[in-house]
Amino acid sequence: MVSEADGMEFFNSPQGKTDPEAELAATLASFFVPLADVTEGKEHPQCNFPARFKWLNRQLSFDLDRLEIQPCDRLDRWVKTLDPIGATLVFASYFLNNPASMFGHTLMRIDSRRTGSGNNLMNYGANYAAVTDTENSFLYAFKGLTGAFQGRFAIFPYYTKVQEYNNWESRDLWEYELKFTEDQLNTMILHLWELGGTYFDYYYFQENCSYHVLALLEIANPDLRLKDSFFFSVIPTDTVKIVMAQEGLVKNVVYRPAVLTQMNDKRLKMIKREKKILEKLVKGKISPESTAFVNLSPPSQALVLNAYMDYLQYQSMQEKSDKEIKIPRSVLRARSRLQVVEDVKSEITHFSTRPDQGHGTDRFRVGVGHNSHEPFMEFAYRPAYHDLMARDVGYDKNSEIIFLDFALRYYLDSDRIRLDRAKILSITSLNPYDPLLPKFSWRLDVGIDTLKDYNCNYCNSIKGSYGRGLSYRPDFFSPLLLFSLVDVKAEVSGHLKENFRLGGDIEVGAYYDVTKNLRVKLAGSYQIFFLGDSKRFFTSQFITRYALSQDLDVRVELNRYDHYNEGVFSVNYFF
């Protein structure tokens, strides 16, 4: 048995990481050490490891005539400050601009008796994260995958994380209030104290934020076997689902909207004229003193100004400054003159959906198809995460992340098995155009694919591409999403002239939800390779998906690559 903790401060025995018996003996001996024998400036082991002391005392019933209970002033003050009466699992929605948060993030909130209900921002949070030493994305990914970062727990005021996630990154938060006894909460807090002096090797897909949050819950209630459900990867959405699956563990689910969600909720309530006025305010074409704004009714003025202040708050946060939020005095004066009170009790529109209601992150696919030459069968598996053709409940509706997607095909006439594709990493973010916050759409693709525009017996190439473009959705809840992207592409294969080709493509397409279960994609592209193996050709694609349930769908795909055609019928199971 090997401990997951990697900092030696966590152990009392030099062999404690790999020898539980030696660690138990050393821990018991340390608890009996007289205070006078403890190095000056150091805490007594009873104070360093209070959760262990509490558990061992219950199991062994220490003889208090032989063991002196030591005073632990720092620990007592810390526990008194937290004063836990509840615990909440917090899920921060996806943030593609940060590799560590592409799949979301989970942390714990410690709900205190002293703050009372309705003051959750004043509680403390417990967060496990990598201590990074680089801003290079490729080096970050490499170190995160190989455990080269230290992962540590930190305690902080919860409002600081709300400020970071809700306001700076504009990520919706989902708060899952958990049911624990006060004794269980005390054990969790004491264990957090023990973790404060150690670290774990941080692994992006295994020993990550969600994994160690689950470990905290298991410490509070050992009857929970939450980590046993995971083998290859521990993804935040899956940890939320496993917590929800425990009978009686979750008491309540609370939605905490991001600042841009609050702004967009107000925009949904606006008529066309109000939206135009807001857009002109944002672009500086008018001010609250302008005639166009003053001619609005007081309720309309209040609605527009409230949305405008949300926008200013977000933009101020983007400056990463410690200064106060910059809202012009003229805007504050104009709003204060209006005797219109915002209805804070009205339910806000949910622009994201509960992560526990989404499909599983693993996917197994079996399909049958026919290409220009012969029929085939297809078998595919990926451990993560979500593609744009799947139902988007619980996921970002405009993006996809596909990791380690391997597909094998068995060709019936030629009686052979070939690797059709291996998507090492594929990310697509189709950001619909917003006149207030215009963003480019983009995508990144690295992997192995079949050279389908070549008649080379299903030979493969290693390829990589990156593209940017524009997307359009008539409104946030519209079933139609249009996109256009321009990519730079490179492929390497021994079957190509000069063993490579470099070029790009222009692609246009659309997704349309006919019903909540039926989605259609239609796309076409023009491929141009001008270095290495020069070539130009068209591709087209039609896909339709029907969801039989959240975790099961069937799809029909028709693809054309130059003069090569194929059709595939597949069943996709998410788990």
Protein backbone atom coordinates (compact mmCIF):
# COMPACT_ATOMS: atom_id res chain seq x y z
CA MET A 1 0.00 0.00 0.00
CA VAL A 2 1.36 3.41 -1.02
CA SER A 3 0.05 6.72 0.28
CA GLU A 4 -1.05 9.29 -2.29
CA ALA A 5 0.58 12.10 -0.25
CA ASP A 6 4.05 12.96 -1.58
CA GLY A 7 5.28 15.50 0.98
CA MET A 8 7.26 13.77 3.72
CA GLU A 9 5.88 16.22 6.31
CA PHE A 10 2.69 14.18 6.14
CA PHE A 11 4.39 11.16 7.73
CA ASN A 12 5.83 10.42 11.15
CA SER A 13 7.95 7.53 9.90
CA PRO A 14 10.62 7.85 7.17
CA GLN A 15 8.98 4.77 5.61
CA GLY A 16 5.46 6.08 6.22
CA LYS A 17 4.57 6.53 2.54
CA THR A 18 4.99 2.83 1.74
CA ASP A 19 4.77 1.11 5.13
CA PRO A 20 1.42 1.69 6.92
CA GLU A 21 2.47 -0.42 9.93
CA ALA A 22 5.63 1.61 10.49
CA GLU A 23 3.63 4.84 10.11
CA LEU A 24 1.03 3.68 12.65
CA ALA A 25 3.71 2.79 15.19
CA ALA A 26 5.54 6.08 14.69
CA THR A 27 2.29 8.06 14.91
CA LEU A 28 1.24 6.40 18.17
CA ALA A 29 4.69 6.95 19.65
CA SER A 30 4.67 10.61 18.61
CA PHE A 31 1.41 11.28 20.42
CA PHE A 32 3.04 10.25 23.73
CA VAL A 33 6.09 12.52 23.26
CA PRO A 34 6.28 15.08 26.13
CA LEU A 35 5.80 18.68 25.03
CA ALA A 36 9.25 19.55 26.41
CA ASP A 37 10.83 17.17 23.86
CA VAL A 38 9.20 18.91 20.87
CA THR A 39 11.54 21.21 18.95
CA GLU A 40 10.95 24.87 19.79
CA GLY A 41 8.67 26.54 17.26
CA LYS A 42 7.17 23.20 16.17
CA GLU A 43 3.68 21.93 16.89
CA HIS A 44 3.15 18.80 18.95
CA PRO A 45 2.17 15.78 16.77
CA GLN A 46 -1.26 15.76 18.44
CA CYS A 47 -1.74 19.26 16.97
CA ASN A 48 -0.16 18.47 13.59
CA PHE A 49 -2.31 15.38 13.03
CA PRO A 50 -5.59 16.02 14.86
CA ALA A 51 -7.77 13.87 12.57
CA ARG A 52 -5.53 10.86 13.14
CA PHE A 53 -5.47 11.52 16.87
CA LYS A 54 -9.28 11.74 16.94
CA TRP A 55 -9.74 8.50 15.00
CA LEU A 56 -7.10 6.51 16.91
CA ASN A 57 -8.45 7.69 20.23
CA ARG A 58 -11.89 6.37 19.24
CA GLN A 59 -10.46 3.05 18.16
CA LEU A 60 -8.01 2.54 21.05
CA SER A 61 -9.43 4.65 23.90
CA PHE A 62 -6.11 6.15 24.99
CA ASP A 63 -5.26 5.87 28.69
CA LEU A 64 -5.30 9.52 29.77
CA ASP A 65 -3.17 8.64 32.82
CA ARG A 66 -0.35 7.75 30.45
CA LEU A 67 -1.08 10.22 27.62
CA GLU A 68 -1.20 13.97 28.23
CA ILE A 69 -3.64 15.87 26.00
CA GLN A 70 -1.66 18.76 24.54
CA PRO A 71 -3.02 22.30 24.05
CA CYS A 72 -3.35 23.22 20.36
CA ASP A 73 -4.02 26.97 20.36
CA ARG A 74 -3.48 27.57 16.62
CA LEU A 75 -5.65 24.63 15.65
CA ASP A 76 -8.39 25.63 18.06
CA ARG A 77 -8.48 29.20 16.72
CA TRP A 78 -8.61 27.90 13.14
CA VAL A 79 -11.48 25.50 13.85
CA LYS A 80 -13.32 28.22 15.76
CA THR A 81 -12.93 30.60 12.81
CA LEU A 82 -14.36 28.06 10.36
CA ASP A 83 -17.02 26.84 12.84
CA PRO A 84 -18.51 24.41 10.27
CA ILE A 85 -22.19 23.62 10.21
CA GLY A 86 -22.35 22.48 6.57
CA ALA A 87 -20.34 21.73 3.43
CA THR A 88 -21.07 22.53 -0.20
CA LEU A 89 -19.55 21.06 -3.36
CA VAL A 90 -19.10 23.87 -5.89
CA PHE A 91 -18.81 23.28 -9.64
CA ALA A 92 -17.41 26.11 -11.76
CA SER A 93 -18.47 25.78 -15.40
CA TYR A 94 -16.11 25.31 -18.32
CA PHE A 95 -13.44 27.86 -19.22
CA LEU A 96 -11.64 27.05 -22.47
CA ASN A 97 -9.11 29.88 -22.08
CA ASN A 98 -7.42 27.98 -19.23
CA PRO A 99 -6.19 24.40 -19.86
CA ALA A 100 -6.75 23.52 -16.18
CA SER A 101 -10.42 24.55 -16.38
CA MET A 102 -11.49 23.25 -19.79
CA PHE A 103 -13.45 20.46 -18.08
CA GLY A 104 -14.76 22.67 -15.28
CA HIS A 105 -13.53 22.78 -11.69
CA THR A 106 -14.76 21.61 -8.30
CA LEU A 107 -14.00 22.94 -4.84
CA MET A 108 -15.52 22.82 -1.37
CA ARG A 109 -17.26 25.59 0.54
CA ILE A 110 -17.25 25.31 4.32
CA ASP A 111 -20.53 26.73 5.58
CA SER A 112 -20.07 28.39 8.94
CA ARG A 113 -22.46 28.79 11.84
CA ARG A 114 -21.25 32.35 12.41
CA THR A 115 -22.29 33.62 8.96
CA GLY A 116 -25.79 32.20 9.01
CA SER A 117 -27.96 31.42 6.00
CA GLY A 118 -27.96 33.90 3.13
CA ASN A 119 -24.36 35.01 3.74
CA ASN A 120 -22.52 32.27 1.90
CA LEU A 121 -20.03 34.70 0.36
CA MET A 122 -18.60 35.22 3.85
CA ASN A 123 -17.86 31.51 4.30
CA TYR A 124 -14.51 29.90 3.53
CA GLY A 125 -13.60 27.68 0.62
CA ALA A 126 -11.17 24.76 0.34
CA ASN A 127 -9.49 24.36 -3.04
CA TYR A 128 -7.00 21.83 -4.38
CA ALA A 129 -4.94 23.04 -7.32
CA ALA A 130 -1.58 22.69 -9.00
CA VAL A 131 1.19 25.06 -7.97
CA THR A 132 2.31 26.03 -11.47
CA ASP A 133 5.63 27.50 -12.52
CA THR A 134 5.00 28.17 -16.21
CA GLU A 135 2.60 30.04 -18.47
CA ASN A 136 3.61 28.02 -21.54
CA SER A 137 0.55 26.00 -22.57
CA PHE A 138 2.51 23.04 -23.96
CA LEU A 139 4.83 22.84 -20.94
CA TYR A 140 1.80 23.20 -18.67
CA ALA A 141 0.05 20.30 -20.39
CA PHE A 142 3.17 18.11 -20.25
CA LYS A 143 3.80 18.76 -16.57
CA GLY A 144 0.11 18.34 -15.73
CA LEU A 145 -0.03 14.96 -17.49
CA THR A 146 3.17 13.64 -15.91
CA GLY A 147 2.68 14.78 -12.31
CA ALA A 148 5.48 17.35 -12.41
CA PHE A 149 3.46 19.98 -10.50
CA GLN A 150 2.83 19.95 -6.78
CA GLY A 151 -0.85 19.96 -5.84
CA ARG A 152 -1.80 21.67 -2.59
CA PHE A 153 -4.90 22.52 -0.61
CA ALA A 154 -5.62 26.14 0.26
CA ILE A 155 -8.25 27.78 2.46
CA PHE A 156 -9.57 31.20 1.39
CA PRO A 157 -12.63 33.45 1.73
CA TYR A 158 -15.26 32.06 -0.62
CA TYR A 159 -16.04 35.48 -2.09
CA THR A 160 -12.55 35.59 -3.64
CA LYS A 161 -13.36 32.53 -5.75
CA VAL A 162 -16.76 33.94 -6.64
CA GLN A 163 -14.95 37.10 -7.75
CA GLU A 164 -12.52 35.04 -9.84
CA TYR A 165 -14.98 32.60 -11.41
CA ASN A 166 -18.26 34.56 -11.52
CA ASN A 167 -16.90 38.01 -12.36
CA TRP A 168 -13.44 37.78 -13.91
CA GLU A 169 -13.89 34.57 -15.94
CA SER A 170 -17.72 34.87 -16.07
CA ARG A 171 -18.33 31.22 -15.21
CA ASP A 172 -21.62 30.10 -13.73
CA LEU A 173 -21.35 28.27 -10.40
CA TRP A 174 -23.48 25.32 -9.31
CA GLU A 175 -23.50 24.79 -5.54
CA TYR A 176 -24.45 21.36 -4.16
CA GLU A 177 -25.25 21.63 -0.46
CA LEU A 178 -24.27 18.38 1.29
CA LYS A 179 -25.64 16.60 4.32
CA PHE A 180 -23.08 15.75 7.01
CA THR A 181 -23.26 15.55 10.78
CA GLU A 182 -21.28 18.12 12.79
CA ASP A 183 -18.91 15.36 13.91
CA GLN A 184 -18.26 14.37 10.28
CA LEU A 185 -17.64 18.01 9.38
CA ASN A 186 -15.22 18.32 12.27
CA THR A 187 -13.27 15.29 11.01
CA MET A 188 -13.11 16.82 7.53
CA ILE A 189 -11.81 20.11 8.90
CA LEU A 190 -9.18 18.40 11.05
CA HIS A 191 -8.00 16.43 8.01
CA LEU A 192 -7.79 19.65 5.97
CA TRP A 193 -5.51 21.00 8.69
CA GLU A 194 -3.25 17.97 8.28
CA LEU A 195 -3.14 18.47 4.50
CA GLY A 196 -2.03 22.09 4.85
CA GLY A 197 1.59 21.07 5.37
CA THR A 198 1.95 18.56 2.56
CA TYR A 199 1.52 18.20 -1.21
CA PHE A 200 0.49 15.62 -3.79
CA ASP A 201 1.89 15.10 -7.27
CA TYR A 202 -0.75 16.75 -9.47
CA TYR A 203 -2.04 14.72 -12.41
CA TYR A 204 -4.38 16.50 -14.80
CA PHE A 205 -6.65 13.49 -15.38
CA GLN A 206 -6.23 11.48 -12.18
CA GLU A 207 -5.10 13.15 -8.95
CA ASN A 208 -6.72 16.47 -9.75
CA CYS A 209 -9.06 18.90 -7.99
CA SER A 210 -12.09 16.64 -8.22
CA TYR A 211 -10.29 13.52 -7.05
CA HIS A 212 -9.07 15.11 -3.83
CA VAL A 213 -12.41 16.79 -3.16
CA LEU A 214 -13.98 13.33 -3.27
CA ALA A 215 -11.30 12.14 -0.85
CA LEU A 216 -12.35 14.89 1.57
CA LEU A 217 -15.95 13.70 1.44
CA GLU A 218 -14.83 10.14 2.12
CA ILE A 219 -12.86 11.31 5.16
CA ALA A 220 -16.02 12.95 6.52
CA ASN A 221 -18.09 9.81 5.88
CA PRO A 222 -16.01 6.63 5.31
CA ASP A 223 -19.15 4.80 4.13
CA LEU A 224 -18.94 6.84 0.92
CA ARG A 225 -16.86 5.01 -1.71
CA LEU A 226 -16.76 7.81 -4.24
CA LYS A 227 -13.28 7.34 -5.72
CA ASP A 228 -13.87 3.65 -6.45
CA SER A 229 -16.01 4.59 -9.45
CA PHE A 230 -13.07 6.04 -11.38
CA PHE A 231 -10.28 4.28 -13.22
CA PHE A 232 -8.59 6.26 -15.98
CA SER A 233 -9.80 9.81 -15.50
CA VAL A 234 -11.54 11.87 -12.83
CA ILE A 235 -13.49 14.65 -14.54
CA PRO A 236 -15.34 17.34 -12.54
CA THR A 237 -18.74 16.67 -14.10
CA ASP A 238 -18.44 12.96 -13.30
CA THR A 239 -17.58 13.69 -9.67
CA VAL A 240 -20.70 15.83 -9.36
CA LYS A 241 -22.76 12.98 -10.81
CA ILE A 242 -21.35 10.42 -8.39
CA VAL A 243 -22.08 12.74 -5.47
CA MET A 244 -25.65 13.24 -6.69
CA ALA A 245 -26.05 9.47 -6.97
CA GLN A 246 -25.50 9.00 -3.20
CA GLU A 247 -28.89 8.76 -1.55
CA GLY A 248 -29.53 11.64 0.84
CA LEU A 249 -26.10 13.25 0.41
CA VAL A 250 -27.20 16.36 -1.53
CA LYS A 251 -29.74 18.56 0.27
CA ASN A 252 -30.12 21.36 -2.26
CA VAL A 253 -28.71 22.69 -5.55
CA VAL A 254 -28.17 26.44 -5.99
CA TYR A 255 -27.37 28.29 -9.22
CA ARG A 256 -25.00 31.27 -8.90
CA PRO A 257 -25.02 33.12 -12.24
CA ALA A 258 -21.91 34.82 -13.62
CA VAL A 259 -21.88 38.56 -14.20
CA LEU A 260 -22.36 38.16 -17.98
CA THR A 261 -25.19 35.71 -17.32
CA GLN A 262 -26.88 38.42 -15.25
CA MET A 263 -26.34 40.92 -18.07
CA ASN A 264 -27.70 38.53 -20.70
CA ASP A 265 -30.72 37.77 -18.54
CA LYS A 266 -31.55 41.47 -18.61
CA ARG A 267 -30.98 41.60 -22.36
CA LEU A 268 -33.52 38.82 -22.84
CA LYS A 269 -36.12 41.06 -21.21
CA MET A 270 -35.37 44.01 -23.50
CA ILE A 271 -37.25 45.04 -26.59
CA LYS A 272 -35.28 45.86 -29.74
CA ARG A 273 -35.07 49.59 -28.97
CA GLU A 274 -33.64 48.97 -25.49
CA LYS A 275 -31.03 46.59 -26.91
CA LYS A 276 -29.92 49.26 -29.42
CA ILE A 277 -29.59 51.85 -26.65
CA LEU A 278 -27.48 49.45 -24.56
CA GLU A 279 -25.24 48.73 -27.52
CA LYS A 280 -24.71 52.46 -28.12
CA LEU A 281 -23.86 52.99 -24.44
CA VAL A 282 -21.29 50.21 -24.57
CA LYS A 283 -19.70 51.61 -27.74
CA GLY A 284 -19.64 55.14 -26.29
CA LYS A 285 -21.96 56.61 -28.94
CA ILE A 286 -24.37 57.98 -26.32
CA SER A 287 -24.39 58.64 -22.56
CA PRO A 288 -27.11 58.49 -19.88
CA GLU A 289 -27.68 62.22 -20.54
CA SER A 290 -28.33 61.71 -24.26
CA THR A 291 -31.82 62.33 -25.62
CA ALA A 292 -32.15 58.78 -26.97
CA PHE A 293 -31.64 57.38 -23.49
CA VAL A 294 -33.69 59.97 -21.60
CA ASN A 295 -36.69 59.33 -23.90
CA LEU A 296 -36.92 55.77 -22.56
CA SER A 297 -39.46 55.11 -19.80
CA PRO A 298 -38.00 54.92 -16.25
CA PRO A 299 -38.35 51.09 -16.06
CA SER A 300 -36.58 50.81 -19.45
CA GLN A 301 -33.82 53.17 -18.32
CA ALA A 302 -33.30 51.10 -15.16
CA LEU A 303 -33.17 47.84 -17.13
CA VAL A 304 -30.63 49.22 -19.62
CA LEU A 305 -28.46 50.82 -16.92
CA ASN A 306 -28.46 47.67 -14.81
CA ALA A 307 -27.25 45.65 -17.80
CA TYR A 308 -24.70 48.34 -18.65
CA MET A 309 -23.29 48.23 -15.12
CA ASP A 310 -22.95 44.44 -15.38
CA TYR A 311 -20.98 44.98 -18.56
CA LEU A 312 -18.74 47.61 -16.92
CA GLN A 313 -18.14 45.33 -13.95
CA TYR A 314 -17.00 42.52 -16.25
CA GLN A 315 -14.75 44.78 -18.30
CA SER A 316 -13.22 46.23 -15.14
CA MET A 317 -12.40 42.73 -13.92
CA GLN A 318 -10.56 41.99 -17.18
CA GLU A 319 -7.96 44.59 -16.24
CA LYS A 320 -6.80 42.31 -13.39
CA SER A 321 -6.50 45.32 -11.10
CA ASP A 322 -6.94 45.48 -7.34
CA LYS A 323 -8.69 48.82 -7.75
CA GLU A 324 -12.42 49.26 -7.33
CA ILE A 325 -14.77 48.43 -10.19
CA LYS A 326 -14.80 51.35 -12.63
CA ILE A 327 -18.36 52.53 -13.20
CA PRO A 328 -18.53 56.19 -14.31
CA ARG A 329 -20.13 58.55 -11.85
CA SER A 330 -22.56 59.73 -14.52
CA VAL A 331 -23.94 56.19 -14.80
CA LEU A 332 -24.31 55.83 -11.03
CA ARG A 333 -26.03 59.23 -10.80
CA ALA A 334 -28.44 58.37 -13.60
CA ARG A 335 -29.34 55.07 -11.95
CA SER A 336 -29.78 56.64 -8.49
CA ARG A 337 -32.28 59.16 -9.88
CA LEU A 338 -34.57 56.35 -11.04
CA GLN A 339 -37.11 55.25 -8.45
CA VAL A 340 -37.20 51.76 -9.91
CA VAL A 341 -36.15 48.83 -7.75
CA GLU A 342 -34.74 45.75 -9.46
CA ASP A 343 -36.68 42.59 -8.62
CA VAL A 344 -33.84 40.56 -7.12
CA LYS A 345 -36.23 37.73 -6.20
CA SER A 346 -37.24 36.99 -9.79
CA GLU A 347 -35.72 33.76 -11.07
CA ILE A 348 -32.82 34.38 -13.42
CA THR A 349 -32.62 32.57 -16.75
CA HIS A 350 -30.22 29.63 -16.64
CA PHE A 351 -27.66 30.10 -19.39
CA SER A 352 -25.90 26.92 -18.34
CA THR A 353 -27.38 23.60 -17.25
CA ARG A 354 -26.66 21.42 -14.23
CA PRO A 355 -23.51 19.34 -14.82
CA ASP A 356 -24.97 16.32 -13.03
CA GLN A 357 -27.69 16.07 -15.71
CA GLY A 358 -25.28 15.71 -18.64
CA HIS A 359 -24.29 12.56 -20.49
CA GLY A 360 -21.35 10.46 -19.34
CA THR A 361 -17.90 11.66 -20.39
CA ASP A 362 -16.72 8.27 -21.71
CA ARG A 363 -18.16 7.18 -25.03
CA PHE A 364 -18.26 3.83 -26.80
CA ARG A 365 -19.37 3.76 -30.43
CA VAL A 366 -20.23 0.90 -32.75
CA GLY A 367 -21.15 1.51 -36.36
CA VAL A 368 -21.66 -0.01 -39.77
CA GLY A 369 -20.99 1.74 -43.02
CA HIS A 370 -20.06 1.61 -46.66
CA ASN A 371 -17.48 3.62 -48.60
CA SER A 372 -16.77 3.92 -52.29
CA HIS A 373 -15.17 0.47 -52.29
CA GLU A 374 -16.57 -1.82 -49.59
CA PRO A 375 -18.63 -2.16 -46.41
CA PHE A 376 -17.05 -1.88 -42.97
CA MET A 377 -17.70 -2.03 -39.24
CA GLU A 378 -16.45 0.63 -36.84
CA PHE A 379 -15.59 0.45 -33.15
CA ALA A 380 -14.53 3.57 -31.24
CA TYR A 381 -13.83 4.65 -27.68
CA ARG A 382 -12.86 7.90 -26.01
CA PRO A 383 -12.49 8.74 -22.30
CA ALA A 384 -13.46 12.40 -22.70
CA TYR A 385 -15.45 14.50 -23.21
CA HIS A 386 -18.23 16.03 -25.32
CA ASP A 387 -18.85 16.61 -29.03
CA LEU A 388 -21.16 19.13 -30.65
CA MET A 389 -23.46 16.44 -32.03
CA ALA A 390 -24.22 15.05 -28.55
CA ARG A 391 -27.00 16.44 -26.37
CA ASP A 392 -25.64 19.56 -24.69
CA VAL A 393 -27.50 19.37 -21.37
CA GLY A 394 -24.82 19.78 -18.70
CA TYR A 395 -22.25 21.05 -21.21
CA ASP A 396 -21.38 24.24 -23.04
CA LYS A 397 -23.69 24.31 -26.06
CA ASN A 398 -21.19 26.01 -28.37
CA SER A 399 -18.04 23.98 -27.81
CA GLU A 400 -16.60 20.49 -27.87
CA ILE A 401 -13.56 18.82 -26.31
CA ILE A 402 -12.52 15.41 -27.61
CA PHE A 403 -9.58 13.61 -26.01
CA LEU A 404 -7.99 10.31 -27.05
CA ASP A 405 -10.76 9.30 -29.45
CA PHE A 406 -9.65 6.06 -31.16
CA ALA A 407 -11.64 4.41 -33.96
CA LEU A 408 -10.90 1.06 -35.60
CA ARG A 409 -12.56 -0.20 -38.76
CA TYR A 410 -12.90 -3.75 -40.03
CA TYR A 411 -13.27 -3.79 -43.83
CA LEU A 412 -15.34 -6.80 -44.82
CA ASP A 413 -14.36 -7.34 -48.46
CA SER A 414 -10.61 -6.88 -47.95
CA ASP A 415 -10.76 -8.62 -44.54
CA ARG A 416 -8.50 -6.21 -42.69
CA ILE A 417 -8.52 -3.96 -39.65
CA ARG A 418 -7.26 -0.39 -39.88
CA LEU A 419 -6.98 2.56 -37.54
CA ASP A 420 -9.42 5.04 -39.02
CA ARG A 421 -8.59 7.94 -36.70
CA ALA A 422 -7.03 8.83 -33.38
CA LYS A 423 -7.97 12.28 -32.13
CA ILE A 424 -5.34 13.03 -29.52
CA LEU A 425 -6.92 16.38 -28.75
CA SER A 426 -9.64 18.26 -30.59
CA ILE A 427 -11.14 21.48 -29.23
CA THR A 428 -13.77 23.60 -30.95
CA SER A 429 -15.23 26.80 -29.55
CA LEU A 430 -17.94 28.33 -31.74
CA ASN A 431 -18.48 31.66 -29.98
CA PRO A 432 -21.64 33.20 -31.48
CA TYR A 433 -21.18 36.82 -32.53
CA ASP A 434 -22.19 39.28 -29.83
CA PRO A 435 -22.06 43.02 -30.65
CA LEU A 436 -21.23 43.81 -27.00
CA LEU A 437 -18.48 41.22 -26.58
CA PRO A 438 -17.31 40.05 -30.00
CA LYS A 439 -15.11 36.94 -29.91
CA PHE A 440 -13.59 34.80 -32.63
CA SER A 441 -14.53 31.16 -32.93
CA TRP A 442 -11.56 28.80 -32.98
CA ARG A 443 -10.57 25.17 -33.11
CA LEU A 444 -7.49 23.02 -32.57
CA ASP A 445 -7.00 19.47 -33.80
CA VAL A 446 -4.04 17.09 -33.28
CA GLY A 447 -4.13 13.43 -34.15
CA ILE A 448 -3.92 10.64 -36.73
CA ASP A 449 -6.35 10.29 -39.61
CA THR A 450 -6.92 8.23 -42.74
CA LEU A 451 -5.89 9.87 -46.01
CA LYS A 452 -9.34 9.51 -47.54
CA ASP A 453 -8.54 11.65 -50.56
CA TYR A 454 -5.85 9.10 -51.49
CA ASN A 455 -6.32 5.55 -52.75
CA CYS A 456 -3.58 4.07 -50.56
CA ASN A 457 -5.40 1.20 -48.82
CA TYR A 458 -6.53 3.30 -45.86
CA CYS A 459 -3.10 4.68 -45.04
CA ASN A 460 -2.73 7.17 -42.20
CA SER A 461 -1.21 10.58 -41.67
CA ILE A 462 -0.23 12.52 -38.57
CA LYS A 463 -1.94 15.87 -38.73
CA GLY A 464 -2.42 19.10 -36.87
CA SER A 465 -4.56 22.14 -37.55
CA TYR A 466 -5.60 25.43 -36.00
CA GLY A 467 -8.29 27.75 -37.25
CA ARG A 468 -10.29 30.85 -36.42
CA GLY A 469 -13.52 32.25 -37.72
CA LEU A 470 -16.97 33.57 -36.94
CA SER A 471 -20.17 32.01 -35.67
CA TYR A 472 -23.72 33.29 -35.46
CA ARG A 473 -26.74 32.27 -33.39
CA PRO A 474 -29.88 34.47 -33.70
CA ASP A 475 -30.24 34.39 -29.91
CA PHE A 476 -28.87 32.30 -27.07
CA PHE A 477 -31.69 29.76 -27.16
CA SER A 478 -32.04 29.62 -30.94
CA PRO A 479 -31.85 26.09 -32.44
CA LEU A 480 -29.65 27.39 -35.29
CA LEU A 481 -25.87 27.87 -35.12
CA LEU A 482 -23.97 29.00 -38.23
CA PHE A 483 -20.18 28.95 -38.44
CA SER A 484 -17.30 29.65 -40.79
CA LEU A 485 -13.67 28.82 -40.07
CA VAL A 486 -10.32 29.23 -41.82
CA ASP A 487 -7.70 26.64 -40.79
CA VAL A 488 -3.97 26.18 -41.21
CA LYS A 489 -3.21 22.47 -41.64
CA ALA A 490 -0.15 20.25 -41.74
CA GLU A 491 0.02 16.51 -42.44
CA VAL A 492 2.93 14.07 -42.38
CA SER A 493 2.83 10.64 -44.02
CA GLY A 494 5.17 8.40 -45.98
CA HIS A 495 2.42 8.04 -48.57
CA LEU A 496 2.51 11.73 -49.50
CA LYS A 497 4.86 13.25 -52.04
CA GLU A 498 7.84 14.66 -50.12
CA ASN A 499 6.23 12.96 -47.05
CA PHE A 500 4.19 16.01 -46.04
CA ARG A 501 1.73 18.64 -47.12
CA LEU A 502 1.01 22.08 -45.72
CA GLY A 503 -1.98 24.24 -46.45
CA GLY A 504 -5.38 25.03 -45.05
CA ASP A 505 -9.10 25.04 -45.60
CA ILE A 506 -12.18 27.21 -45.55
CA GLU A 507 -15.24 25.60 -43.98
CA VAL A 508 -18.81 26.80 -43.58
CA GLY A 509 -21.58 24.92 -41.86
CA ALA A 510 -24.59 24.87 -39.61
CA TYR A 511 -26.05 22.97 -36.67
CA TYR A 512 -29.80 22.88 -36.26
CA ASP A 513 -31.92 21.38 -33.48
CA VAL A 514 -35.11 20.13 -35.08
CA THR A 515 -36.28 18.96 -31.64
CA LYS A 516 -34.46 18.58 -28.32
CA ASN A 517 -33.51 15.03 -29.38
CA LEU A 518 -32.88 15.56 -33.10
CA ARG A 519 -29.88 17.58 -34.28
CA VAL A 520 -28.57 18.03 -37.82
CA LYS A 521 -25.19 19.23 -39.06
CA LEU A 522 -24.40 20.29 -42.61
CA ALA A 523 -20.92 21.51 -43.58
CA GLY A 524 -18.66 21.92 -46.58
CA SER A 525 -15.02 22.89 -47.02
CA TYR A 526 -12.45 23.68 -49.67
CA GLN A 527 -9.03 22.14 -48.91
CA ILE A 528 -5.86 23.70 -50.32
CA PHE A 529 -2.37 22.21 -49.86
CA PHE A 530 0.35 24.30 -51.53
CA LEU A 531 3.58 22.96 -50.00
CA GLY A 532 4.80 19.38 -50.21
CA ASP A 533 2.08 17.26 -51.78
CA SER A 534 0.07 20.00 -53.51
CA LYS A 535 -3.62 19.34 -53.94
CA ARG A 536 -7.03 21.02 -53.93
CA PHE A 537 -10.37 19.37 -53.31
CA PHE A 538 -13.81 19.79 -51.73
CA THR A 539 -15.31 17.97 -48.76
CA SER A 540 -18.88 17.87 -47.53
CA GLN A 541 -20.55 16.39 -44.48
CA PHE A 542 -24.09 15.65 -43.33
CA ILE A 543 -24.76 14.25 -39.84
CA THR A 544 -28.01 13.70 -38.04
CA ARG A 545 -28.34 12.54 -34.44
CA TYR A 546 -31.33 11.28 -32.53
CA ALA A 547 -30.99 10.96 -28.75
CA LEU A 548 -32.80 7.96 -27.33
CA SER A 549 -31.79 9.07 -23.83
CA GLN A 550 -29.21 11.37 -22.29
CA ASP A 551 -26.57 8.62 -22.55
CA LEU A 552 -27.59 6.93 -25.81
CA ASP A 553 -27.97 8.24 -29.34
CA VAL A 554 -27.96 7.00 -32.92
CA ARG A 555 -26.35 8.87 -35.81
CA VAL A 556 -26.27 8.79 -39.58
CA GLU A 557 -23.24 10.36 -41.31
CA LEU A 558 -22.64 11.02 -45.00
CA ASN A 559 -19.13 12.23 -45.88
CA ARG A 560 -17.42 13.13 -49.13
CA TYR A 561 -13.67 13.73 -49.46
CA ASP A 562 -12.71 14.67 -53.01
CA HIS A 563 -13.98 11.63 -54.96
CA TYR A 564 -14.25 9.35 -51.91
CA ASN A 565 -17.69 8.82 -50.37
CA GLU A 566 -18.78 7.03 -47.22
CA GLY A 567 -21.87 6.59 -45.10
CA VAL A 568 -21.99 5.44 -41.47
CA PHE A 569 -24.78 4.44 -39.11
CA SER A 570 -23.63 4.37 -35.49
CA VAL A 571 -24.88 3.83 -31.96
CA ASN A 572 -23.16 5.93 -29.30
CA TYR A 573 -23.26 5.04 -25.62
CA PHE A 574 -22.03 7.52 -22.99
CA PHE A 575 -21.08 6.36 -19.51
